[in-house]
Amino acid sequence: MSVFSYTPDYTYIVTSKFSTLITQYENLKEQRRSKVSESRREFSLEYDHTDETTKDNILAFFDARKGSYGSFDWVCPLNSTTYTVRFKEDFLEIEEVANQIYNVSFTLIEVK
């Protein structure tokens, strides 16, 4: 399996998500059903003021996985744990902040 080896600068947010189906009836009562037995983690990563080479390498890695289609391994810098993840969205946010200096941001979601 491929490994994503680019460590974010300093900004990463870890979110734990469950998936619950909620049906609301006319009498305002609710029925809740869990779609999963455990949560999945999401990691929001930002690469601030990165050079063009790093931006191009991240974009090439994203393109090789066809956006959110392919999964890969990633080592979380918070706890050095390897997670199998995929890109959450089919797009990357890339902003050119100066001549050949970029901000790149995206979210990874754990694959179980």
N, C-alpha and C. Protein backbone atom coordinates (compact mmCIF):
# COMPACT_ATOMS: atom_id res chain seq x y z
N MET A 1 0.84 -1.18 0.00
CA MET A 1 0.00 0.00 0.00
C MET A 1 0.89 1.24 0.00
N SER A 2 0.45 2.26 -0.67
CA SER A 2 1.18 3.53 -0.73
C SER A 2 1.16 4.23 0.62
N VAL A 3 2.18 5.03 0.85
CA VAL A 3 2.28 5.79 2.10
C VAL A 3 2.37 7.27 1.76
N PHE A 4 1.53 8.08 2.39
CA PHE A 4 1.58 9.53 2.25
C PHE A 4 2.55 10.03 3.31
N SER A 5 3.67 10.61 2.90
CA SER A 5 4.76 10.90 3.83
C SER A 5 5.01 12.39 4.05
N TYR A 6 4.07 13.24 3.70
CA TYR A 6 4.25 14.67 3.89
C TYR A 6 3.63 15.10 5.22
N THR A 7 4.44 15.59 6.13
CA THR A 7 3.98 16.01 7.45
C THR A 7 3.45 17.43 7.37
N PRO A 8 2.25 17.67 7.91
CA PRO A 8 1.72 19.03 7.88
C PRO A 8 2.56 19.95 8.76
N ASP A 9 2.49 21.24 8.46
CA ASP A 9 3.30 22.21 9.20
C ASP A 9 3.00 22.19 10.69
N TYR A 10 1.83 22.60 11.06
CA TYR A 10 1.49 22.65 12.47
C TYR A 10 0.00 22.51 12.71
N THR A 11 -0.79 22.59 11.67
CA THR A 11 -2.23 22.60 11.84
C THR A 11 -2.81 21.24 11.44
N TYR A 12 -3.34 20.53 12.40
CA TYR A 12 -4.10 19.33 12.09
C TYR A 12 -5.16 19.17 13.15
N ILE A 13 -6.34 18.83 12.71
CA ILE A 13 -7.49 18.66 13.58
C ILE A 13 -7.94 17.22 13.44
N VAL A 14 -8.13 16.54 14.55
CA VAL A 14 -8.62 15.17 14.54
C VAL A 14 -10.07 15.20 14.99
N THR A 15 -10.94 14.62 14.19
CA THR A 15 -12.36 14.55 14.50
C THR A 15 -12.76 13.09 14.54
N SER A 16 -13.57 12.72 15.50
CA SER A 16 -14.11 11.37 15.58
C SER A 16 -15.57 11.42 15.18
N LYS A 17 -15.97 10.59 14.20
CA LYS A 17 -17.32 10.66 13.65
C LYS A 17 -18.03 9.32 13.74
N PHE A 18 -19.31 9.38 14.09
CA PHE A 18 -20.20 8.23 14.02
C PHE A 18 -21.19 8.47 12.89
N SER A 19 -21.93 7.47 12.53
CA SER A 19 -22.96 7.61 11.51
C SER A 19 -24.27 7.08 12.08
N THR A 20 -25.23 7.98 12.28
CA THR A 20 -26.50 7.63 12.90
C THR A 20 -27.64 8.01 11.97
N LEU A 21 -28.57 7.08 11.78
CA LEU A 21 -29.79 7.36 11.03
C LEU A 21 -30.86 7.80 12.03
N ILE A 22 -31.46 8.96 11.80
CA ILE A 22 -32.50 9.46 12.69
C ILE A 22 -33.77 9.65 11.87
N THR A 23 -34.83 8.97 12.29
CA THR A 23 -36.14 9.09 11.64
C THR A 23 -37.06 9.82 12.60
N GLN A 24 -37.63 10.93 12.15
CA GLN A 24 -38.55 11.69 13.00
C GLN A 24 -39.97 11.45 12.49
N TYR A 25 -40.85 11.09 13.43
CA TYR A 25 -42.23 10.78 13.09
C TYR A 25 -43.12 12.00 13.30
N GLU A 26 -44.35 11.93 12.77
CA GLU A 26 -45.27 13.06 12.86
C GLU A 26 -45.58 13.46 14.30
N ASN A 27 -45.54 12.51 15.22
CA ASN A 27 -45.82 12.82 16.62
C ASN A 27 -44.56 13.35 17.33
N LEU A 28 -43.50 13.68 16.56
CA LEU A 28 -42.23 14.25 17.01
C LEU A 28 -41.34 13.28 17.76
N LYS A 29 -41.72 12.02 17.81
CA LYS A 29 -40.82 11.02 18.38
C LYS A 29 -39.76 10.67 17.35
N GLU A 30 -38.63 10.20 17.84
CA GLU A 30 -37.52 9.84 16.96
C GLU A 30 -37.14 8.38 17.14
N GLN A 31 -36.68 7.81 16.04
CA GLN A 31 -36.06 6.49 16.10
C GLN A 31 -34.63 6.67 15.62
N ARG A 32 -33.65 6.16 16.40
CA ARG A 32 -32.25 6.30 16.04
C ARG A 32 -31.63 4.93 15.84
N ARG A 33 -30.81 4.83 14.78
CA ARG A 33 -30.10 3.58 14.48
C ARG A 33 -28.67 3.94 14.11
N SER A 34 -27.75 3.22 14.69
CA SER A 34 -26.34 3.43 14.38
C SER A 34 -25.98 2.62 13.14
N LYS A 35 -25.29 3.27 12.21
CA LYS A 35 -24.86 2.58 11.00
C LYS A 35 -23.49 1.93 11.17
N VAL A 36 -22.76 2.31 12.21
CA VAL A 36 -21.42 1.75 12.45
C VAL A 36 -21.26 1.43 13.92
N SER A 37 -20.36 0.48 14.21
CA SER A 37 -20.16 0.09 15.60
C SER A 37 -19.06 0.90 16.28
N GLU A 38 -18.25 1.59 15.50
CA GLU A 38 -17.19 2.42 16.08
C GLU A 38 -16.99 3.66 15.22
N SER A 39 -16.35 4.65 15.81
CA SER A 39 -16.17 5.91 15.09
C SER A 39 -15.03 5.82 14.08
N ARG A 40 -15.06 6.75 13.13
CA ARG A 40 -13.96 6.92 12.18
C ARG A 40 -13.32 8.26 12.43
N ARG A 41 -12.02 8.32 12.30
CA ARG A 41 -11.31 9.58 12.50
C ARG A 41 -11.18 10.34 11.19
N GLU A 42 -11.21 11.66 11.32
CA GLU A 42 -10.91 12.54 10.20
C GLU A 42 -9.75 13.43 10.62
N PHE A 43 -8.85 13.69 9.69
CA PHE A 43 -7.67 14.51 9.94
C PHE A 43 -7.66 15.66 8.94
N SER A 44 -7.82 16.88 9.43
CA SER A 44 -7.75 18.06 8.57
C SER A 44 -6.32 18.57 8.57
N LEU A 45 -5.69 18.57 7.39
CA LEU A 45 -4.28 18.92 7.28
C LEU A 45 -4.11 20.21 6.50
N GLU A 46 -3.14 21.02 6.92
CA GLU A 46 -2.80 22.25 6.21
C GLU A 46 -1.29 22.34 6.06
N TYR A 47 -0.90 22.70 4.87
CA TYR A 47 0.51 22.92 4.55
C TYR A 47 0.64 24.39 4.18
N ASP A 48 1.14 25.19 5.13
CA ASP A 48 1.22 26.63 4.94
C ASP A 48 2.57 27.04 4.39
N HIS A 49 2.53 27.90 3.39
CA HIS A 49 3.73 28.48 2.78
C HIS A 49 4.72 27.39 2.34
N THR A 50 4.19 26.43 1.60
CA THR A 50 5.02 25.34 1.08
C THR A 50 5.52 25.70 -0.31
N ASP A 51 6.60 25.08 -0.70
CA ASP A 51 7.18 25.39 -2.01
C ASP A 51 6.43 24.67 -3.13
N GLU A 52 6.76 25.02 -4.35
CA GLU A 52 6.07 24.46 -5.51
C GLU A 52 6.31 22.96 -5.65
N THR A 53 7.50 22.49 -5.32
CA THR A 53 7.81 21.07 -5.43
C THR A 53 6.94 20.24 -4.50
N THR A 54 6.81 20.66 -3.24
CA THR A 54 5.97 19.93 -2.29
C THR A 54 4.51 19.97 -2.73
N LYS A 55 4.05 21.14 -3.17
CA LYS A 55 2.67 21.25 -3.67
C LYS A 55 2.44 20.31 -4.84
N ASP A 56 3.37 20.26 -5.78
CA ASP A 56 3.24 19.37 -6.94
C ASP A 56 3.27 17.90 -6.54
N ASN A 57 4.09 17.54 -5.56
CA ASN A 57 4.16 16.15 -5.09
C ASN A 57 2.86 15.73 -4.40
N ILE A 58 2.29 16.61 -3.59
CA ILE A 58 1.01 16.32 -2.94
C ILE A 58 -0.08 16.17 -4.00
N LEU A 59 -0.09 17.06 -4.99
CA LEU A 59 -1.08 16.99 -6.06
C LEU A 59 -0.92 15.71 -6.88
N ALA A 60 0.30 15.30 -7.18
CA ALA A 60 0.55 14.06 -7.92
C ALA A 60 0.07 12.85 -7.12
N PHE A 61 0.31 12.85 -5.81
CA PHE A 61 -0.16 11.75 -4.96
C PHE A 61 -1.69 11.70 -4.98
N PHE A 62 -2.33 12.86 -4.86
CA PHE A 62 -3.79 12.96 -4.91
C PHE A 62 -4.33 12.45 -6.25
N ASP A 63 -3.70 12.89 -7.34
CA ASP A 63 -4.13 12.46 -8.68
C ASP A 63 -3.95 10.95 -8.88
N ALA A 64 -2.88 10.39 -8.35
CA ALA A 64 -2.62 8.95 -8.49
C ALA A 64 -3.69 8.12 -7.76
N ARG A 65 -4.28 8.67 -6.71
CA ARG A 65 -5.34 7.98 -5.98
C ARG A 65 -6.72 8.29 -6.54
N LYS A 66 -6.78 9.14 -7.55
CA LYS A 66 -8.04 9.57 -8.17
C LYS A 66 -8.95 10.22 -7.13
N GLY A 67 -8.37 11.14 -6.38
CA GLY A 67 -9.13 11.85 -5.35
C GLY A 67 -9.48 10.93 -4.20
N SER A 68 -10.76 10.86 -3.88
CA SER A 68 -11.21 10.07 -2.73
C SER A 68 -11.34 8.58 -3.03
N TYR A 69 -10.99 8.15 -4.23
CA TYR A 69 -11.17 6.76 -4.62
C TYR A 69 -10.19 5.80 -3.94
N GLY A 70 -8.91 6.10 -3.98
CA GLY A 70 -7.90 5.16 -3.48
C GLY A 70 -7.51 5.42 -2.04
N SER A 71 -7.22 4.34 -1.33
CA SER A 71 -6.77 4.47 0.06
C SER A 71 -5.26 4.32 0.15
N PHE A 72 -4.70 4.74 1.29
CA PHE A 72 -3.25 4.70 1.49
C PHE A 72 -2.97 4.79 2.99
N ASP A 73 -1.74 4.56 3.37
CA ASP A 73 -1.34 4.67 4.77
C ASP A 73 -0.79 6.06 5.05
N TRP A 74 -1.03 6.52 6.27
CA TRP A 74 -0.54 7.82 6.71
C TRP A 74 -0.19 7.72 8.19
N VAL A 75 0.96 8.24 8.57
CA VAL A 75 1.39 8.24 9.96
C VAL A 75 1.02 9.58 10.59
N CYS A 76 0.17 9.53 11.60
CA CYS A 76 -0.28 10.74 12.28
C CYS A 76 0.85 11.29 13.15
N PRO A 77 1.24 12.55 12.95
CA PRO A 77 2.34 13.12 13.74
C PRO A 77 1.99 13.32 15.22
N LEU A 78 0.72 13.25 15.57
CA LEU A 78 0.33 13.42 16.97
C LEU A 78 0.69 12.22 17.84
N ASN A 79 0.53 11.02 17.27
CA ASN A 79 0.74 9.81 18.07
C ASN A 79 1.58 8.75 17.37
N SER A 80 2.13 9.05 16.21
CA SER A 80 2.97 8.13 15.43
C SER A 80 2.25 6.84 15.06
N THR A 81 0.92 6.87 15.03
CA THR A 81 0.12 5.71 14.64
C THR A 81 -0.12 5.76 13.14
N THR A 82 -0.01 4.60 12.49
CA THR A 82 -0.30 4.50 11.06
C THR A 82 -1.78 4.20 10.87
N TYR A 83 -2.44 5.03 10.08
CA TYR A 83 -3.85 4.86 9.76
C TYR A 83 -3.99 4.59 8.26
N THR A 84 -4.94 3.74 7.91
CA THR A 84 -5.32 3.59 6.51
C THR A 84 -6.42 4.62 6.26
N VAL A 85 -6.17 5.50 5.30
CA VAL A 85 -7.05 6.64 5.05
C VAL A 85 -7.30 6.81 3.55
N ARG A 86 -8.18 7.73 3.24
CA ARG A 86 -8.39 8.21 1.87
C ARG A 86 -8.66 9.70 1.96
N PHE A 87 -8.57 10.39 0.84
CA PHE A 87 -8.96 11.79 0.81
C PHE A 87 -10.48 11.85 0.98
N LYS A 88 -10.95 12.74 1.83
CA LYS A 88 -12.39 12.85 2.09
C LYS A 88 -13.12 13.40 0.87
N GLU A 89 -12.54 14.37 0.21
CA GLU A 89 -13.17 15.04 -0.92
C GLU A 89 -12.41 14.71 -2.21
N ASP A 90 -13.04 15.02 -3.32
CA ASP A 90 -12.40 14.84 -4.62
C ASP A 90 -11.71 16.12 -5.08
N PHE A 91 -11.30 16.96 -4.14
CA PHE A 91 -10.57 18.18 -4.49
C PHE A 91 -9.59 18.52 -3.38
N LEU A 92 -8.55 19.25 -3.76
CA LEU A 92 -7.60 19.85 -2.83
C LEU A 92 -7.78 21.36 -2.89
N GLU A 93 -7.59 22.02 -1.77
CA GLU A 93 -7.59 23.48 -1.77
C GLU A 93 -6.15 23.95 -1.87
N ILE A 94 -5.83 24.62 -2.98
CA ILE A 94 -4.48 25.12 -3.22
C ILE A 94 -4.58 26.61 -3.47
N GLU A 95 -3.84 27.37 -2.67
CA GLU A 95 -3.84 28.83 -2.78
C GLU A 95 -2.40 29.30 -2.97
N GLU A 96 -2.18 30.08 -4.01
CA GLU A 96 -0.85 30.67 -4.19
C GLU A 96 -0.83 31.98 -3.41
N VAL A 97 0.01 32.03 -2.37
CA VAL A 97 0.05 33.20 -1.49
C VAL A 97 1.17 34.17 -1.86
N ALA A 98 2.14 33.70 -2.61
CA ALA A 98 3.23 34.53 -3.11
C ALA A 98 3.78 33.81 -4.34
N ASN A 99 4.78 34.37 -4.94
CA ASN A 99 5.36 33.76 -6.13
C ASN A 99 5.92 32.39 -5.79
N GLN A 100 5.26 31.34 -6.26
CA GLN A 100 5.64 29.93 -6.08
C GLN A 100 5.65 29.51 -4.61
N ILE A 101 4.82 30.13 -3.79
CA ILE A 101 4.60 29.74 -2.39
C ILE A 101 3.11 29.46 -2.24
N TYR A 102 2.77 28.29 -1.66
CA TYR A 102 1.38 27.82 -1.67
C TYR A 102 0.91 27.39 -0.28
N ASN A 103 -0.40 27.49 -0.08
CA ASN A 103 -1.09 26.86 1.03
C ASN A 103 -1.91 25.72 0.43
N VAL A 104 -1.78 24.54 1.01
CA VAL A 104 -2.53 23.37 0.54
C VAL A 104 -3.27 22.80 1.74
N SER A 105 -4.56 22.51 1.58
CA SER A 105 -5.32 21.94 2.68
C SER A 105 -6.30 20.89 2.16
N PHE A 106 -6.55 19.90 3.00
CA PHE A 106 -7.47 18.81 2.67
C PHE A 106 -7.75 18.02 3.93
N THR A 107 -8.71 17.10 3.84
CA THR A 107 -9.07 16.25 4.97
C THR A 107 -8.90 14.80 4.56
N LEU A 108 -8.31 14.00 5.47
CA LEU A 108 -8.20 12.57 5.30
C LEU A 108 -9.23 11.91 6.20
N ILE A 109 -9.82 10.80 5.75
CA ILE A 109 -10.80 10.07 6.55
C ILE A 109 -10.33 8.63 6.69
N GLU A 110 -10.44 8.10 7.88
CA GLU A 110 -10.00 6.74 8.17
C GLU A 110 -10.86 5.74 7.43
N VAL A 111 -10.23 4.71 6.88
CA VAL A 111 -10.92 3.62 6.18
C VAL A 111 -10.83 2.40 7.07
N LYS A 112 -11.96 1.79 7.34
CA LYS A 112 -11.98 0.60 8.21
C LYS A 112 -12.19 -0.65 7.39
